[in-house]
Amino acid sequence: MTGNQILARALRACGVEHVFFLMGGPMIDCENACLEEGMRMIDVRMEQAAAMMAVGYSRVRGSPSVCMAASGPGTVNLLSGVAHAYVDGAPVVAIGGSSPVGLYGLGAFQEIDQLALARPVTCWAERCYDPARIPEYLAAAFRHAMAGRPAPVYLDLPGDVLYRDVAPEEVRWAEPQPAPRPAGDAADVARAIDVIRTARRPIVVTGSGILWSGAHEELRRWVERWGIPHYATPQGRGVVPEDHHLSFPAARSTAFREADCVVVIGTRLNYVIDYARPPRFAADARLVQIDIDAAEIGKTRPVDAGIVGDARLVLRQLLEVDGSPDRYADWVGRLAEIHREKSIDAEQRMSSDRTPIHPLRLCKELRDFMDREAVLSVDGQEILNYGRQSIPIHVPGHSLNSGPFGTMGVGLPLGLGAKVAEPAAQVVVLHGDGSFGINGMELDTAVRHDLPVITVISNNGGWTARDRFKVGRELGFTRYDEMARALGCHAEYVERPDEIRPALRRAAASGRPVLVNVLTDPEARAQTARFAVYTT
């Protein structure tokens, strides 16, 4: 057997069904061998998109994914998507072919130290020098990707390792072992319960840790048993449906500012929630933090109770104690009233019939068109904020966006990865025109692999809003629909608000990859600077 054949068989043994890649040496024979092993090979137009598709796939499936690239610039391109996965906390197994070991230091074709480049953007990165040990290294990669907080890993495979012959009996076959998921210390759990019980205005803030531990059912039951309002980070939305009776998105700012106890589960206290510090949170608010990564506990402010453990197991421990929902009835009622009033005002603002189309009107039409269980991938600058603020998510893992790394160009690749992971789901990508241009050729990937994703562009003629002069902002109102049509997509061009819904319906009925190019108002932000439905 060659190293290429061993790698393909090892991937199959790890349960891999799909691989996102761009062909090239020295990986070509491995990619052929993967096809022979029964894996679906999704080839892309740029390696960055392969890693981003893997992220979308992982977030929807809740499991590791695989991407691979050729040596040199192929792997360098792949690593920008891997960096996105690293900050996003997604378990992507990235594999890069590299120049032959026997020629290191001699200036071989595409020679560069890929391992050194990969280490800062992965939780584990290694190079295999012996083809017989490829299964061991791969099993280790999968184990590290899901150990504790999920993260990408990288395996470097030199060309002379991939093409070396090995007797089958010499191969050290191995499969990934499940990573242990610890429960919380009983004393820490008891302390957390005492802190929560003394609160009058508690809230729960959760993130992607709920998704990776599969804890959404336990979370919903605990929130309901205790009667505590729930909020999620943009990446962790849907774990509690956003029309749930304890979900008040439009009252988010008030809830954060006035809460006297904040229970944070499975999310880093980073900029997304202002590090859990004033002025967004009260200085005297008590903090309960639950995280599988001990280093995250108390990282940005002291905690009153910290629990190191898997979110699902800790929530099961918390469920062993009955709460007192009536205790927080006044607090819940206050947030419910603020949410109701702001939602009425928001609906009026989102219903404008004027032209150019306000981005919020586009979001409203998209919201009312989408299936309740649709996957939504949002990417851009202005439209990212509008979309995140106005379109609710009701299903765990179905909210995808540029994440805490703020990577532009992820929208379409994330959506395609989601469609591969969940073919029966409606997948909608809401793109800014600037961000679409980065990976827009992946429409070709959608057509070639029959991935009927609906891509909607909010085309305001440039990067960000035209609220002041910004050098490099202007892109022009390009007819991206004509480009999409040339690639084989169903395409629509929209200039008026009343044309949006019919265009979306025709798009969905086509059964093909779709692009709807909607001209939106570049001056919109200046008119709605103070408006938000669901704040960040």
Protein backbone atom coordinates (compact mmCIF):
# COMPACT_ATOMS: atom_id res chain seq x y z
CA MET A 1 0.00 0.00 0.00
CA THR A 2 1.10 3.59 -0.59
CA GLY A 3 0.78 6.33 1.96
CA ASN A 4 -2.02 7.79 -0.15
CA GLN A 5 -4.03 4.57 0.05
CA ILE A 6 -3.35 4.24 3.77
CA LEU A 7 -4.57 7.80 4.38
CA ALA A 8 -7.78 7.24 2.43
CA ARG A 9 -8.54 4.01 4.28
CA ALA A 10 -7.74 5.65 7.63
CA LEU A 11 -10.11 8.52 6.86
CA ARG A 12 -12.86 6.05 6.12
CA ALA A 13 -12.12 4.22 9.38
CA CYS A 14 -12.59 7.54 11.18
CA GLY A 15 -16.12 7.75 9.76
CA VAL A 16 -15.38 10.44 7.17
CA GLU A 17 -18.12 10.70 4.53
CA HIS A 18 -17.25 14.01 2.86
CA VAL A 19 -13.98 15.75 2.01
CA PHE A 20 -13.67 19.39 0.92
CA PHE A 21 -10.59 19.94 -1.24
CA LEU A 22 -8.88 21.44 -4.25
CA MET A 23 -6.89 18.94 -6.27
CA GLY A 24 -3.13 19.13 -6.61
CA GLY A 25 0.11 17.35 -5.85
CA PRO A 26 1.10 15.47 -3.86
CA MET A 27 -2.51 14.77 -2.73
CA ILE A 28 -4.04 13.73 -6.07
CA ASP A 29 -3.71 9.98 -5.57
CA CYS A 30 -5.06 10.29 -2.03
CA GLU A 31 -8.10 12.15 -3.36
CA ASN A 32 -8.67 9.41 -5.93
CA ALA A 33 -8.29 6.77 -3.21
CA CYS A 34 -10.84 8.59 -1.03
CA LEU A 35 -13.31 8.41 -3.90
CA GLU A 36 -12.65 4.67 -4.23
CA GLU A 37 -13.32 4.31 -0.49
CA GLY A 38 -16.82 5.75 -1.02
CA MET A 39 -16.31 9.28 0.24
CA ARG A 40 -18.02 12.20 -1.48
CA MET A 41 -15.33 14.56 -2.73
CA ILE A 42 -16.43 18.22 -2.90
CA ASP A 43 -13.85 20.11 -4.95
CA VAL A 44 -13.84 23.89 -4.63
CA ARG A 45 -12.48 26.84 -6.60
CA MET A 46 -10.17 28.13 -3.86
CA GLU A 47 -8.68 26.29 -0.89
CA GLN A 48 -9.85 28.86 1.65
CA ALA A 49 -13.41 27.93 0.75
CA ALA A 50 -12.69 24.23 1.40
CA ALA A 51 -11.83 24.98 5.03
CA MET A 52 -14.82 27.28 5.38
CA MET A 53 -17.17 24.65 3.95
CA ALA A 54 -15.72 22.26 6.50
CA VAL A 55 -16.60 24.75 9.27
CA GLY A 56 -20.20 25.00 8.05
CA TYR A 57 -20.43 21.22 7.82
CA SER A 58 -19.07 20.76 11.36
CA ARG A 59 -21.32 23.37 12.93
CA VAL A 60 -24.47 21.82 11.42
CA ARG A 61 -23.42 18.20 12.01
CA GLY A 62 -21.85 18.82 15.42
CA SER A 63 -18.86 16.67 14.48
CA PRO A 64 -15.39 16.98 12.93
CA SER A 65 -14.95 17.62 9.22
CA VAL A 66 -12.08 17.16 6.78
CA CYS A 67 -10.47 19.45 4.21
CA MET A 68 -7.26 19.03 2.26
CA ALA A 69 -5.04 20.94 -0.11
CA ALA A 70 -1.95 20.66 -2.24
CA SER A 71 1.51 21.75 -1.13
CA GLY A 72 2.80 25.31 -0.85
CA PRO A 73 0.27 27.96 -1.82
CA GLY A 74 -2.56 25.43 -1.71
CA THR A 75 -2.02 24.77 1.98
CA VAL A 76 -1.28 28.44 2.68
CA ASN A 77 -4.67 29.32 1.16
CA LEU A 78 -6.32 26.57 3.20
CA LEU A 79 -4.89 27.96 6.42
CA SER A 80 -6.82 31.23 6.24
CA GLY A 81 -9.99 29.16 6.54
CA VAL A 82 -8.36 27.08 9.28
CA ALA A 83 -7.61 30.28 11.19
CA HIS A 84 -11.31 31.13 10.96
CA ALA A 85 -12.11 27.69 12.40
CA TYR A 86 -9.60 28.24 15.21
CA VAL A 87 -11.16 31.46 16.45
CA ASP A 88 -14.64 30.08 15.76
CA GLY A 89 -13.93 26.91 17.77
CA ALA A 90 -14.78 24.40 15.01
CA PRO A 91 -13.25 20.88 14.83
CA VAL A 92 -11.80 20.90 11.30
CA VAL A 93 -9.20 18.28 10.40
CA ALA A 94 -7.00 19.95 7.78
CA ILE A 95 -4.56 17.88 5.73
CA GLY A 96 -1.84 19.41 3.60
CA GLY A 97 0.49 17.74 1.14
CA SER A 98 4.01 19.12 1.30
CA SER A 99 7.34 18.95 -0.50
CA PRO A 100 9.40 15.75 -0.08
CA VAL A 101 11.34 15.24 3.15
CA GLY A 102 14.30 14.03 1.14
CA LEU A 103 14.63 17.44 -0.50
CA TYR A 104 14.16 19.66 2.57
CA GLY A 105 16.38 22.71 2.46
CA LEU A 106 17.27 22.31 -1.22
CA GLY A 107 14.59 24.58 -2.65
CA ALA A 108 12.16 21.89 -3.80
CA PHE A 109 9.02 22.87 -5.72
CA GLN A 110 6.59 24.70 -3.39
CA GLU A 111 8.84 24.12 -0.39
CA ILE A 112 7.80 26.07 2.71
CA ASP A 113 7.48 25.14 6.38
CA GLN A 114 3.74 24.51 6.41
CA LEU A 115 3.87 23.06 9.90
CA ALA A 116 5.26 26.32 11.30
CA LEU A 117 2.48 28.23 9.56
CA ALA A 118 -0.22 25.90 10.89
CA ARG A 119 0.76 25.76 14.56
CA PRO A 120 -0.48 29.25 15.57
CA VAL A 121 -3.96 28.58 14.11
CA THR A 122 -4.57 25.02 15.35
CA CYS A 123 -4.70 23.24 18.68
CA TRP A 124 -2.52 20.40 17.30
CA ALA A 125 -0.26 20.27 14.25
CA GLU A 126 2.14 17.49 13.32
CA ARG A 127 4.04 16.03 10.35
CA CYS A 128 4.08 12.31 9.64
CA TYR A 129 7.37 10.90 8.33
CA ASP A 130 6.37 7.22 8.18
CA PRO A 131 3.41 6.11 6.02
CA ALA A 132 2.82 3.12 8.31
CA ARG A 133 1.95 5.55 11.12
CA ILE A 134 -0.52 7.71 9.15
CA PRO A 135 -3.56 6.08 10.86
CA GLU A 136 -2.05 6.84 14.28
CA TYR A 137 -1.51 10.48 13.42
CA LEU A 138 -4.99 10.79 11.93
CA ALA A 139 -6.63 9.24 14.99
CA ALA A 140 -4.69 11.69 17.16
CA ALA A 141 -5.86 14.56 14.97
CA PHE A 142 -9.53 13.64 15.43
CA ARG A 143 -9.04 13.17 19.16
CA HIS A 144 -7.42 16.58 19.60
CA ALA A 145 -10.07 18.30 17.44
CA MET A 146 -12.83 17.32 19.89
CA ALA A 147 -10.89 17.31 23.16
CA GLY A 148 -12.25 20.01 25.45
CA ARG A 149 -13.12 23.11 23.46
CA PRO A 150 -13.30 22.03 19.77
CA ALA A 151 -10.62 23.43 17.46
CA PRO A 152 -9.00 22.70 14.10
CA VAL A 153 -5.95 20.48 13.73
CA TYR A 154 -3.43 20.09 10.93
CA LEU A 155 -1.59 17.04 9.57
CA ASP A 156 1.33 17.65 7.19
CA LEU A 157 2.15 14.86 4.73
CA PRO A 158 5.29 15.13 2.56
CA GLY A 159 5.10 13.79 -0.97
CA ASP A 160 7.71 11.06 -0.48
CA VAL A 161 5.75 9.81 2.54
CA LEU A 162 2.48 9.68 0.60
CA TYR A 163 4.02 7.75 -2.30
CA ARG A 164 6.19 5.34 -0.31
CA ASP A 165 5.14 1.68 -0.41
CA VAL A 166 4.38 -0.13 2.84
CA ALA A 167 3.50 -3.77 3.43
CA PRO A 168 -0.10 -3.88 4.73
CA GLU A 169 0.93 -5.83 7.84
CA GLU A 170 3.30 -3.01 8.82
CA VAL A 171 0.54 -0.39 8.97
CA ARG A 172 -0.38 0.65 12.51
CA TRP A 173 -4.14 0.92 12.14
CA ALA A 174 -5.90 3.09 14.71
CA GLU A 175 -9.24 4.79 15.17
CA PRO A 176 -10.04 7.93 17.16
CA GLN A 177 -11.12 7.41 20.74
CA PRO A 178 -13.89 9.57 22.20
CA ALA A 179 -12.62 12.49 24.23
CA PRO A 180 -13.68 12.41 27.90
CA ARG A 181 -16.40 14.90 28.85
CA PRO A 182 -16.09 15.74 32.57
CA ALA A 183 -18.94 16.65 34.88
CA GLY A 184 -18.62 19.54 37.31
CA ASP A 185 -17.29 19.27 40.83
CA ALA A 186 -20.26 18.80 43.19
CA ALA A 187 -19.13 21.59 45.52
CA ASP A 188 -18.81 24.02 42.59
CA VAL A 189 -22.28 23.10 41.35
CA ALA A 190 -23.76 23.67 44.83
CA ARG A 191 -22.04 27.05 45.03
CA ALA A 192 -23.47 28.06 41.65
CA ILE A 193 -26.98 27.11 42.72
CA ASP A 194 -26.65 29.20 45.88
CA VAL A 195 -25.55 32.23 43.84
CA ILE A 196 -28.44 31.88 41.39
CA ARG A 197 -31.01 31.39 44.15
CA THR A 198 -30.12 34.71 45.76
CA ALA A 199 -30.62 36.62 42.49
CA ARG A 200 -33.66 38.72 41.60
CA ARG A 201 -32.79 39.51 37.99
CA PRO A 202 -30.76 36.60 36.57
CA ILE A 203 -30.05 35.86 32.91
CA VAL A 204 -28.42 32.93 31.12
CA VAL A 205 -25.95 33.59 28.30
CA THR A 206 -24.82 30.62 26.23
CA GLY A 207 -22.55 29.98 23.26
CA SER A 208 -21.28 27.26 20.96
CA GLY A 209 -20.35 25.01 23.86
CA ILE A 210 -24.02 24.05 24.09
CA LEU A 211 -23.90 22.89 20.46
CA TRP A 212 -20.71 20.84 20.74
CA SER A 213 -21.85 19.07 23.90
CA GLY A 214 -25.35 18.45 22.48
CA ALA A 215 -26.83 20.20 25.51
CA HIS A 216 -29.69 22.17 23.94
CA GLU A 217 -32.42 19.94 25.38
CA GLU A 218 -30.93 20.09 28.88
CA LEU A 219 -30.51 23.85 28.55
CA ARG A 220 -34.12 24.40 27.52
CA ARG A 221 -35.40 22.24 30.37
CA TRP A 222 -33.22 24.03 32.93
CA VAL A 223 -34.18 27.50 31.72
CA GLU A 224 -37.86 26.56 31.93
CA ARG A 225 -37.54 24.90 35.34
CA TRP A 226 -35.87 27.98 36.82
CA GLY A 227 -37.73 30.57 34.73
CA ILE A 228 -34.58 32.50 33.78
CA PRO A 229 -34.42 34.63 30.58
CA HIS A 230 -32.05 33.22 27.98
CA TYR A 231 -29.66 34.90 25.53
CA ALA A 232 -27.17 33.38 23.10
CA THR A 233 -24.08 34.59 21.30
CA PRO A 234 -24.48 34.95 17.52
CA GLN A 235 -22.68 31.63 16.98
CA GLY A 236 -24.75 29.78 19.56
CA ARG A 237 -28.25 30.87 18.56
CA GLY A 238 -31.14 28.45 18.22
CA VAL A 239 -30.38 26.32 21.28
CA VAL A 240 -33.51 27.86 22.75
CA PRO A 241 -35.95 28.93 19.99
CA GLU A 242 -35.98 32.71 19.75
CA ASP A 243 -39.77 32.81 20.04
CA HIS A 244 -39.62 30.87 23.31
CA HIS A 245 -41.50 32.43 26.24
CA LEU A 246 -38.18 33.07 28.02
CA SER A 247 -36.41 34.57 25.02
CA PHE A 248 -36.54 38.37 24.70
CA PRO A 249 -34.02 39.37 22.01
CA ALA A 250 -35.26 42.94 21.65
CA ALA A 251 -34.70 43.52 25.39
CA ARG A 252 -31.13 42.25 25.29
CA SER A 253 -29.41 45.52 26.22
CA THR A 254 -31.71 46.05 29.21
CA ALA A 255 -31.27 42.46 30.35
CA PHE A 256 -27.48 42.67 30.23
CA ARG A 257 -27.33 46.07 31.91
CA GLU A 258 -29.79 45.34 34.75
CA ALA A 259 -29.08 41.67 35.49
CA ASP A 260 -27.83 41.05 39.03
CA CYS A 261 -26.65 37.53 38.16
CA VAL A 262 -25.21 36.37 34.84
CA VAL A 263 -24.92 32.62 34.21
CA VAL A 264 -22.51 32.05 31.32
CA ILE A 265 -22.42 28.56 29.82
CA GLY A 266 -20.12 27.37 27.05
CA THR A 267 -18.90 30.67 25.66
CA ARG A 268 -15.79 32.78 26.00
CA LEU A 269 -16.15 36.17 27.67
CA ASN A 270 -14.69 37.97 24.66
CA TYR A 271 -15.70 41.14 22.79
CA VAL A 272 -18.98 39.57 21.63
CA ILE A 273 -20.46 40.19 25.07
CA ASP A 274 -18.05 42.99 26.02
CA TYR A 275 -15.97 40.69 28.25
CA ALA A 276 -18.90 40.60 30.73
CA ARG A 277 -17.69 43.96 32.05
CA PRO A 278 -19.28 47.39 32.62
CA PRO A 279 -20.86 49.36 31.11
CA ARG A 280 -22.69 46.57 29.30
CA PHE A 281 -23.02 44.55 32.50
CA ALA A 282 -23.42 45.91 36.00
CA ALA A 283 -20.18 46.05 37.98
CA ASP A 284 -21.85 44.34 40.95
CA ALA A 285 -23.60 41.61 38.92
CA ARG A 286 -22.65 38.20 40.22
CA LEU A 287 -21.08 35.85 37.67
CA VAL A 288 -21.54 32.09 37.36
CA GLN A 289 -19.34 30.63 34.63
CA ILE A 290 -19.50 27.09 33.24
CA ASP A 291 -16.88 26.04 30.69
CA ILE A 292 -15.02 22.89 29.70
CA ASP A 293 -11.81 24.93 29.46
CA ALA A 294 -10.52 25.77 32.93
CA ALA A 295 -8.45 28.65 31.54
CA GLU A 296 -11.65 30.51 30.58
CA ILE A 297 -13.02 30.62 34.14
CA GLY A 298 -12.55 34.12 35.54
CA LYS A 299 -10.52 35.21 32.52
CA THR A 300 -12.01 38.70 32.16
CA ARG A 301 -13.57 39.31 35.58
CA PRO A 302 -13.74 37.44 38.90
CA VAL A 303 -16.42 34.77 39.20
CA ASP A 304 -18.70 34.11 42.14
CA ALA A 305 -19.00 30.48 41.08
CA GLY A 306 -17.00 28.66 38.44
CA ILE A 307 -17.63 25.15 37.15
CA VAL A 308 -15.20 23.32 34.86
CA GLY A 309 -17.11 20.70 32.91
CA ASP A 310 -19.05 19.64 29.86
CA ALA A 311 -22.15 21.80 29.39
CA ARG A 312 -24.57 18.90 29.04
CA LEU A 313 -23.29 17.05 32.11
CA VAL A 314 -23.22 20.19 34.25
CA LEU A 315 -26.75 21.13 33.17
CA ARG A 316 -27.89 17.65 34.16
CA GLN A 317 -26.37 18.28 37.58
CA LEU A 318 -28.21 21.60 37.81
CA LEU A 319 -31.46 19.90 36.78
CA GLU A 320 -31.28 17.76 39.90
CA VAL A 321 -32.33 20.85 41.87
CA ASP A 322 -35.75 22.48 41.45
CA GLY A 323 -35.82 26.20 40.75
CA SER A 324 -38.32 28.89 41.74
CA PRO A 325 -39.69 30.47 38.53
CA ASP A 326 -42.15 32.66 40.43
CA ARG A 327 -39.23 34.42 42.10
CA TYR A 328 -38.27 36.03 38.78
CA ALA A 329 -41.79 36.72 37.47
CA ASP A 330 -41.50 40.53 37.72
CA TRP A 331 -38.13 40.49 35.97
CA VAL A 332 -39.42 38.25 33.18
CA GLY A 333 -42.51 40.44 32.80
CA ARG A 334 -40.40 43.59 32.48
CA LEU A 335 -38.21 42.09 29.74
CA ALA A 336 -41.26 40.70 27.95
CA GLU A 337 -42.89 44.13 27.82
CA ILE A 338 -39.73 45.84 26.51
CA HIS A 339 -39.35 43.11 23.91
CA ARG A 340 -42.97 43.50 22.80
CA GLU A 341 -42.78 47.29 22.45
CA LYS A 342 -39.48 47.26 20.59
CA SER A 343 -40.62 44.49 18.29
CA ILE A 344 -43.70 46.49 17.25
CA ASP A 345 -41.52 49.50 16.47
CA ALA A 346 -39.03 47.30 14.63
CA GLU A 347 -41.71 45.74 12.46
CA GLN A 348 -42.85 49.18 11.33
CA ARG A 349 -39.31 50.21 10.42
CA MET A 350 -38.75 46.95 8.52
CA SER A 351 -41.87 47.45 6.39
CA SER A 352 -40.72 50.50 4.42
CA ASP A 353 -41.79 50.49 0.76
CA ARG A 354 -39.33 53.12 -0.36
CA THR A 355 -36.58 52.66 -2.91
CA PRO A 356 -33.69 52.08 -2.92
CA ILE A 357 -34.63 49.11 -0.74
CA HIS A 358 -33.68 49.37 2.90
CA PRO A 359 -31.62 46.32 3.98
CA LEU A 360 -34.04 45.74 6.84
CA ARG A 361 -36.92 45.38 4.39
CA LEU A 362 -34.87 42.73 2.59
CA CYS A 363 -34.32 40.99 5.93
CA LYS A 364 -38.05 41.11 6.69
CA GLU A 365 -38.94 39.54 3.34
CA LEU A 366 -36.30 36.88 3.84
CA ARG A 367 -37.46 36.20 7.41
CA ASP A 368 -41.07 35.69 6.30
CA PHE A 369 -40.01 33.49 3.37
CA MET A 370 -37.65 31.14 5.22
CA ASP A 371 -38.62 27.81 6.71
CA ARG A 372 -38.68 27.77 10.49
CA GLU A 373 -35.85 25.22 10.50
CA ALA A 374 -33.78 26.87 7.76
CA VAL A 375 -30.02 27.27 8.06
CA LEU A 376 -29.04 30.94 7.73
CA SER A 377 -25.50 31.98 6.81
CA VAL A 378 -24.88 35.74 6.97
CA ASP A 379 -21.72 37.42 5.76
CA GLY A 380 -20.73 41.01 5.17
CA GLN A 381 -20.44 44.16 7.21
CA GLU A 382 -23.65 46.16 7.18
CA ILE A 383 -25.93 43.29 6.15
CA LEU A 384 -24.33 41.00 8.75
CA ASN A 385 -25.53 43.33 11.50
CA TYR A 386 -28.97 43.88 10.01
CA GLY A 387 -29.49 40.17 9.35
CA ARG A 388 -28.32 39.11 12.77
CA GLN A 389 -30.57 41.72 14.39
CA SER A 390 -33.78 40.91 12.55
CA ILE A 391 -33.96 37.24 11.47
CA PRO A 392 -34.65 34.79 14.32
CA ILE A 393 -33.08 31.34 14.61
CA HIS A 394 -35.02 28.43 16.07
CA VAL A 395 -32.77 25.39 15.56
CA PRO A 396 -29.40 24.63 17.19
CA GLY A 397 -26.45 24.96 14.80
CA HIS A 398 -28.47 26.72 12.12
CA SER A 399 -26.91 30.15 12.66
CA LEU A 400 -23.71 30.66 10.65
CA ASN A 401 -21.76 33.88 10.19
CA SER A 402 -18.31 35.40 9.99
CA GLY A 403 -17.83 34.74 13.69
CA PRO A 404 -15.45 36.31 16.20
CA PHE A 405 -12.62 36.35 13.65
CA GLY A 406 -14.77 38.53 11.37
CA THR A 407 -13.71 36.67 8.23
CA MET A 408 -15.16 38.09 5.03
CA GLY A 409 -16.12 35.69 2.25
CA VAL A 410 -17.34 32.88 4.52
CA GLY A 411 -21.07 33.17 3.75
CA LEU A 412 -21.39 31.05 0.62
CA PRO A 413 -18.82 28.40 1.67
CA LEU A 414 -20.46 28.04 5.10
CA GLY A 415 -23.84 27.63 3.42
CA LEU A 416 -22.54 25.00 1.00
CA GLY A 417 -20.94 23.05 3.84
CA ALA A 418 -24.25 23.21 5.71
CA LYS A 419 -26.12 21.89 2.66
CA VAL A 420 -23.73 18.95 2.37
CA ALA A 421 -24.24 18.22 6.07
CA GLU A 422 -28.03 18.52 5.95
CA PRO A 423 -29.26 18.07 2.35
CA ALA A 424 -32.97 18.27 3.21
CA ALA A 425 -32.67 21.62 4.99
CA GLN A 426 -33.41 24.94 3.34
CA VAL A 427 -30.11 26.81 3.36
CA VAL A 428 -30.14 30.58 2.84
CA VAL A 429 -27.02 32.70 2.46
CA LEU A 430 -27.40 36.45 3.01
CA HIS A 431 -24.36 38.20 1.57
CA GLY A 432 -23.04 41.69 1.24
CA ASP A 433 -21.81 42.42 -2.27
CA GLY A 434 -18.25 43.02 -1.09
CA SER A 435 -17.94 39.79 0.87
CA PHE A 436 -19.64 37.82 -1.91
CA GLY A 437 -16.85 38.78 -4.30
CA ILE A 438 -14.22 36.98 -2.23
CA ASN A 439 -15.61 33.47 -2.77
CA GLY A 440 -18.35 34.11 -5.32
CA MET A 441 -16.93 31.50 -7.71
CA GLU A 442 -18.11 28.84 -5.27
CA LEU A 443 -21.44 29.21 -7.06
CA ASP A 444 -19.71 27.04 -9.64
CA THR A 445 -19.05 24.49 -6.88
CA ALA A 446 -22.74 24.60 -5.95
CA VAL A 447 -23.77 23.92 -9.57
CA ARG A 448 -21.25 21.12 -10.17
CA HIS A 449 -22.16 19.32 -6.96
CA ASP A 450 -25.90 20.00 -7.10
CA LEU A 451 -26.11 22.00 -3.87
CA PRO A 452 -29.29 24.11 -4.20
CA VAL A 453 -28.43 26.89 -1.76
CA ILE A 454 -30.33 30.19 -2.00
CA THR A 455 -27.84 33.09 -2.01
CA VAL A 456 -29.24 36.60 -1.59
CA ILE A 457 -26.98 39.62 -2.08
CA SER A 458 -27.69 42.94 -0.42
CA ASN A 459 -26.03 44.99 -3.13
CA ASN A 460 -25.35 48.50 -1.83
CA GLY A 461 -22.58 49.11 -4.32
CA GLY A 462 -19.59 48.70 -2.05
CA TRP A 463 -18.03 47.80 1.27
CA THR A 464 -20.00 49.02 4.32
CA ALA A 465 -22.45 51.93 4.21
CA ARG A 466 -21.98 55.21 2.37
CA ASP A 467 -22.45 57.24 5.55
CA ARG A 468 -19.15 59.11 5.06
CA PHE A 469 -16.17 59.05 2.74
CA LYS A 470 -14.23 55.79 2.93
CA VAL A 471 -11.41 55.20 0.48
CA GLY A 472 -11.84 51.87 -1.30
CA ARG A 473 -15.51 51.63 -0.42
CA GLU A 474 -17.04 51.89 -3.91
CA LEU A 475 -17.56 48.71 -5.96
CA GLY A 476 -20.42 49.73 -8.23
CA PHE A 477 -23.80 48.03 -8.57
CA THR A 478 -22.54 44.93 -10.35
CA ARG A 479 -24.97 42.49 -12.01
CA TYR A 480 -23.94 39.46 -10.02
CA ASP A 481 -27.12 37.75 -11.21
CA GLU A 482 -25.72 37.68 -14.76
CA MET A 483 -22.53 36.09 -13.48
CA ALA A 484 -24.55 33.48 -11.58
CA ARG A 485 -26.70 32.72 -14.63
CA ALA A 486 -23.57 32.15 -16.72
CA LEU A 487 -22.38 29.61 -14.12
CA GLY A 488 -25.66 27.67 -14.36
CA CYS A 489 -27.58 29.10 -11.39
CA HIS A 490 -31.15 30.33 -11.31
CA ALA A 491 -30.74 34.10 -11.02
CA GLU A 492 -33.00 37.04 -10.14
CA TYR A 493 -32.49 40.81 -10.16
CA VAL A 494 -34.58 42.94 -7.77
CA GLU A 495 -34.92 46.71 -7.50
CA ARG A 496 -38.28 47.14 -5.67
CA PRO A 497 -39.45 45.84 -2.27
CA ASP A 498 -42.55 44.15 -3.67
CA GLU A 499 -40.36 42.14 -6.06
CA ILE A 500 -38.36 40.42 -3.33
CA ARG A 501 -40.82 37.74 -2.19
CA PRO A 502 -41.88 36.65 -5.71
CA ALA A 503 -38.20 36.38 -6.67
CA LEU A 504 -37.50 34.21 -3.62
CA ARG A 505 -40.44 31.95 -4.40
CA ARG A 506 -39.33 31.48 -8.00
CA ALA A 507 -35.84 30.79 -6.75
CA ALA A 508 -36.97 28.11 -4.31
CA ALA A 509 -39.16 26.47 -6.94
CA SER A 510 -36.26 26.16 -9.38
CA GLY A 511 -34.56 23.41 -7.35
CA ARG A 512 -31.19 24.77 -8.44
CA PRO A 513 -28.46 26.87 -6.82
CA VAL A 514 -29.83 30.39 -6.73
CA LEU A 515 -28.57 33.94 -6.63
CA VAL A 516 -30.95 36.84 -5.96
CA ASN A 517 -29.24 40.20 -6.51
CA VAL A 518 -31.13 42.88 -4.55
CA LEU A 519 -30.19 46.55 -4.91
CA THR A 520 -30.23 48.14 -1.46
CA ASP A 521 -29.77 51.66 -0.17
CA PRO A 522 -26.12 52.58 0.49
CA GLU A 523 -27.31 55.42 2.75
CA ALA A 524 -29.46 53.17 4.96
CA ARG A 525 -27.23 53.09 8.01
CA ALA A 526 -27.34 56.83 8.56
CA GLN A 527 -31.14 56.62 8.72
CA THR A 528 -31.30 53.73 11.19
CA ALA A 529 -28.14 54.18 13.23
CA ARG A 530 -29.99 53.84 16.52
CA PHE A 531 -32.26 51.01 15.48
CA ALA A 532 -31.73 47.37 16.40
CA VAL A 533 -34.08 44.45 16.85
CA TYR A 534 -31.66 41.83 18.11
CA THR A 535 -28.53 43.56 19.32
CA THR A 536 -25.11 41.98 18.96
